[in-house]
Amino acid sequence: MAIDPNQANHMTGAIAGMMGVLVVFGLAIYAFTIFLFWRILAKAGLPGPLSLLVLVPGIGWMIVLCIVAFSDWRVIPAPLLYSGLRPYPPPPANFPPPPPTQL
């Protein structure tokens, strides 16, 4: 049973269209990943272009994660949101109470 040439052309066009959508989707995922790593590196005080190492096939994202994990984060500490509140007072000196003695 042979495939109709018209049907083969339609299937080829459908496959080409799906491949085009997958390529565009893959490029969007790569761009979003680079954007996320760029933001993380910038917040850590590291240069953002290090995120372009993600483009190295296979191991690039692991290199970037190791750089982020093992580097010193040169950031200014966040201010305390509730700096006006006092911490809990320390517990009394006789806390917890001693166990009762038996006669």
C-alpha atoms as a PDB file:
ATOM      1  CA  MET A   1       0.000   0.000   0.000  1.00  0.00           C
ATOM      2  CA  ALA A   2       1.632   3.225  -1.169  1.00  0.00           C
ATOM      3  CA  ILE A   3       1.210   6.600   0.450  1.00  0.00           C
ATOM      4  CA  ASP A   4      -0.533   9.183  -1.651  1.00  0.00           C
ATOM      5  CA  PRO A   5       1.993  11.910  -2.685  1.00  0.00           C
ATOM      6  CA  ASN A   6      -0.421  14.610  -1.572  1.00  0.00           C
ATOM      7  CA  GLN A   7      -0.713  12.985   1.878  1.00  0.00           C
ATOM      8  CA  ALA A   8       3.085  12.702   2.133  1.00  0.00           C
ATOM      9  CA  ASN A   9       3.433  16.418   1.372  1.00  0.00           C
ATOM     10  CA  HIS A  10       0.912  17.269   4.101  1.00  0.00           C
ATOM     11  CA  MET A  11       2.724  15.076   6.643  1.00  0.00           C
ATOM     12  CA  THR A  12       6.079  16.609   5.714  1.00  0.00           C
ATOM     13  CA  GLY A  13       4.658  20.088   6.158  1.00  0.00           C
ATOM     14  CA  ALA A  14       3.138  19.175   9.532  1.00  0.00           C
ATOM     15  CA  ILE A  15       6.422  17.715  10.770  1.00  0.00           C
ATOM     16  CA  ALA A  16       8.361  20.785   9.569  1.00  0.00           C
ATOM     17  CA  GLY A  17       5.883  23.055  11.346  1.00  0.00           C
ATOM     18  CA  MET A  18       6.177  21.114  14.598  1.00  0.00           C
ATOM     19  CA  MET A  19       9.976  21.204  14.387  1.00  0.00           C
ATOM     20  CA  GLY A  20       9.866  24.974  13.879  1.00  0.00           C
ATOM     21  CA  VAL A  21       7.669  25.412  16.942  1.00  0.00           C
ATOM     22  CA  LEU A  22       9.981  23.182  19.009  1.00  0.00           C
ATOM     23  CA  VAL A  23      13.068  25.146  17.926  1.00  0.00           C
ATOM     24  CA  VAL A  24      11.437  28.467  18.840  1.00  0.00           C
ATOM     25  CA  PHE A  25      10.277  27.016  22.178  1.00  0.00           C
ATOM     26  CA  GLY A  26      13.788  25.693  22.900  1.00  0.00           C
ATOM     27  CA  LEU A  27      15.369  29.065  22.120  1.00  0.00           C
ATOM     28  CA  ALA A  28      12.861  30.764  24.412  1.00  0.00           C
ATOM     29  CA  ILE A  29      13.781  28.352  27.223  1.00  0.00           C
ATOM     30  CA  TYR A  30      17.510  29.047  26.682  1.00  0.00           C
ATOM     31  CA  ALA A  31      16.921  32.815  26.699  1.00  0.00           C
ATOM     32  CA  PHE A  32      14.843  32.607  29.877  1.00  0.00           C
ATOM     33  CA  THR A  33      17.494  30.460  31.580  1.00  0.00           C
ATOM     34  CA  ILE A  34      20.228  32.940  30.678  1.00  0.00           C
ATOM     35  CA  PHE A  35      18.054  35.797  31.976  1.00  0.00           C
ATOM     36  CA  LEU A  36      17.486  33.989  35.287  1.00  0.00           C
ATOM     37  CA  PHE A  37      21.166  33.175  35.786  1.00  0.00           C
ATOM     38  CA  TRP A  38      22.090  36.764  34.834  1.00  0.00           C
ATOM     39  CA  ARG A  39      19.764  38.087  37.576  1.00  0.00           C
ATOM     40  CA  ILE A  40      21.078  35.609  40.160  1.00  0.00           C
ATOM     41  CA  LEU A  41      24.697  36.451  39.384  1.00  0.00           C
ATOM     42  CA  ALA A  42      23.978  40.187  39.513  1.00  0.00           C
ATOM     43  CA  LYS A  43      22.269  39.829  42.900  1.00  0.00           C
ATOM     44  CA  ALA A  44      25.264  37.841  44.139  1.00  0.00           C
ATOM     45  CA  GLY A  45      27.612  40.671  43.140  1.00  0.00           C
ATOM     46  CA  LEU A  46      29.148  38.699  40.273  1.00  0.00           C
ATOM     47  CA  PRO A  47      29.317  39.809  36.635  1.00  0.00           C
ATOM     48  CA  GLY A  48      26.134  38.969  34.740  1.00  0.00           C
ATOM     49  CA  PRO A  49      27.832  37.829  31.507  1.00  0.00           C
ATOM     50  CA  LEU A  50      28.996  34.701  33.364  1.00  0.00           C
ATOM     51  CA  SER A  51      25.483  33.448  32.691  1.00  0.00           C
ATOM     52  CA  LEU A  52      26.465  32.990  29.042  1.00  0.00           C
ATOM     53  CA  LEU A  53      28.388  29.895  30.168  1.00  0.00           C
ATOM     54  CA  VAL A  54      24.978  28.209  30.187  1.00  0.00           C
ATOM     55  CA  LEU A  55      25.337  28.046  26.400  1.00  0.00           C
ATOM     56  CA  VAL A  56      28.186  25.512  26.740  1.00  0.00           C
ATOM     57  CA  PRO A  57      26.472  22.217  25.913  1.00  0.00           C
ATOM     58  CA  GLY A  58      26.126  19.670  28.682  1.00  0.00           C
ATOM     59  CA  ILE A  59      28.142  21.172  31.509  1.00  0.00           C
ATOM     60  CA  GLY A  60      27.706  24.952  31.218  1.00  0.00           C
ATOM     61  CA  TRP A  61      24.839  25.266  33.663  1.00  0.00           C
ATOM     62  CA  MET A  62      26.739  23.131  36.186  1.00  0.00           C
ATOM     63  CA  ILE A  63      29.752  25.460  35.937  1.00  0.00           C
ATOM     64  CA  VAL A  64      27.533  28.489  36.608  1.00  0.00           C
ATOM     65  CA  LEU A  65      25.872  26.763  39.574  1.00  0.00           C
ATOM     66  CA  CYS A  66      29.298  25.904  41.052  1.00  0.00           C
ATOM     67  CA  ILE A  67      30.433  29.513  40.631  1.00  0.00           C
ATOM     68  CA  VAL A  68      27.298  30.725  42.427  1.00  0.00           C
ATOM     69  CA  ALA A  69      27.546  28.103  45.157  1.00  0.00           C
ATOM     70  CA  PHE A  70      31.213  28.532  46.038  1.00  0.00           C
ATOM     71  CA  SER A  71      31.789  32.263  45.536  1.00  0.00           C
ATOM     72  CA  ASP A  72      31.529  35.027  48.110  1.00  0.00           C
ATOM     73  CA  TRP A  73      28.271  36.892  47.671  1.00  0.00           C
ATOM     74  CA  ARG A  74      29.251  40.566  47.788  1.00  0.00           C
ATOM     75  CA  VAL A  75      25.872  42.036  48.664  1.00  0.00           C
ATOM     76  CA  ILE A  76      24.623  44.525  51.194  1.00  0.00           C
ATOM     77  CA  PRO A  77      22.616  42.806  53.923  1.00  0.00           C
ATOM     78  CA  ALA A  78      18.912  43.470  53.801  1.00  0.00           C
ATOM     79  CA  PRO A  79      17.571  45.826  56.465  1.00  0.00           C
ATOM     80  CA  LEU A  80      15.573  44.355  59.288  1.00  0.00           C
ATOM     81  CA  LEU A  81      11.896  44.798  58.536  1.00  0.00           C
ATOM     82  CA  TYR A  82      10.832  44.717  62.180  1.00  0.00           C
ATOM     83  CA  SER A  83      13.746  46.501  63.797  1.00  0.00           C
ATOM     84  CA  GLY A  84      11.421  48.216  66.299  1.00  0.00           C
ATOM     85  CA  LEU A  85      10.294  44.956  67.862  1.00  0.00           C
ATOM     86  CA  ARG A  86      12.213  43.552  70.772  1.00  0.00           C
ATOM     87  CA  PRO A  87      13.095  39.865  70.921  1.00  0.00           C
ATOM     88  CA  TYR A  88      11.503  37.564  73.448  1.00  0.00           C
ATOM     89  CA  PRO A  89      12.872  37.982  76.970  1.00  0.00           C
ATOM     90  CA  PRO A  90      15.186  35.225  78.161  1.00  0.00           C
ATOM     91  CA  PRO A  91      13.567  32.424  80.160  1.00  0.00           C
ATOM     92  CA  PRO A  92      13.766  32.611  83.963  1.00  0.00           C
ATOM     93  CA  ALA A  93      16.806  31.126  85.642  1.00  0.00           C
ATOM     94  CA  ASN A  94      14.805  28.316  87.285  1.00  0.00           C
ATOM     95  CA  PHE A  95      13.226  27.158  84.019  1.00  0.00           C
ATOM     96  CA  PRO A  96      12.429  24.320  83.549  1.00  0.00           C
ATOM     97  CA  PRO A  97      11.465  23.613  87.149  1.00  0.00           C
ATOM     98  CA  PRO A  98      13.309  20.763  88.836  1.00  0.00           C
ATOM     99  CA  PRO A  99      11.502  17.436  89.053  1.00  0.00           C
ATOM    100  CA  PRO A 100       9.610  16.845  92.280  1.00  0.00           C
ATOM    101  CA  THR A 101      11.435  14.824  94.882  1.00  0.00           C
ATOM    102  CA  GLN A 102       9.858  11.691  96.236  1.00  0.00           C
ATOM    103  CA  LEU A 103       9.802  10.904  99.951  1.00  0.00           C
END
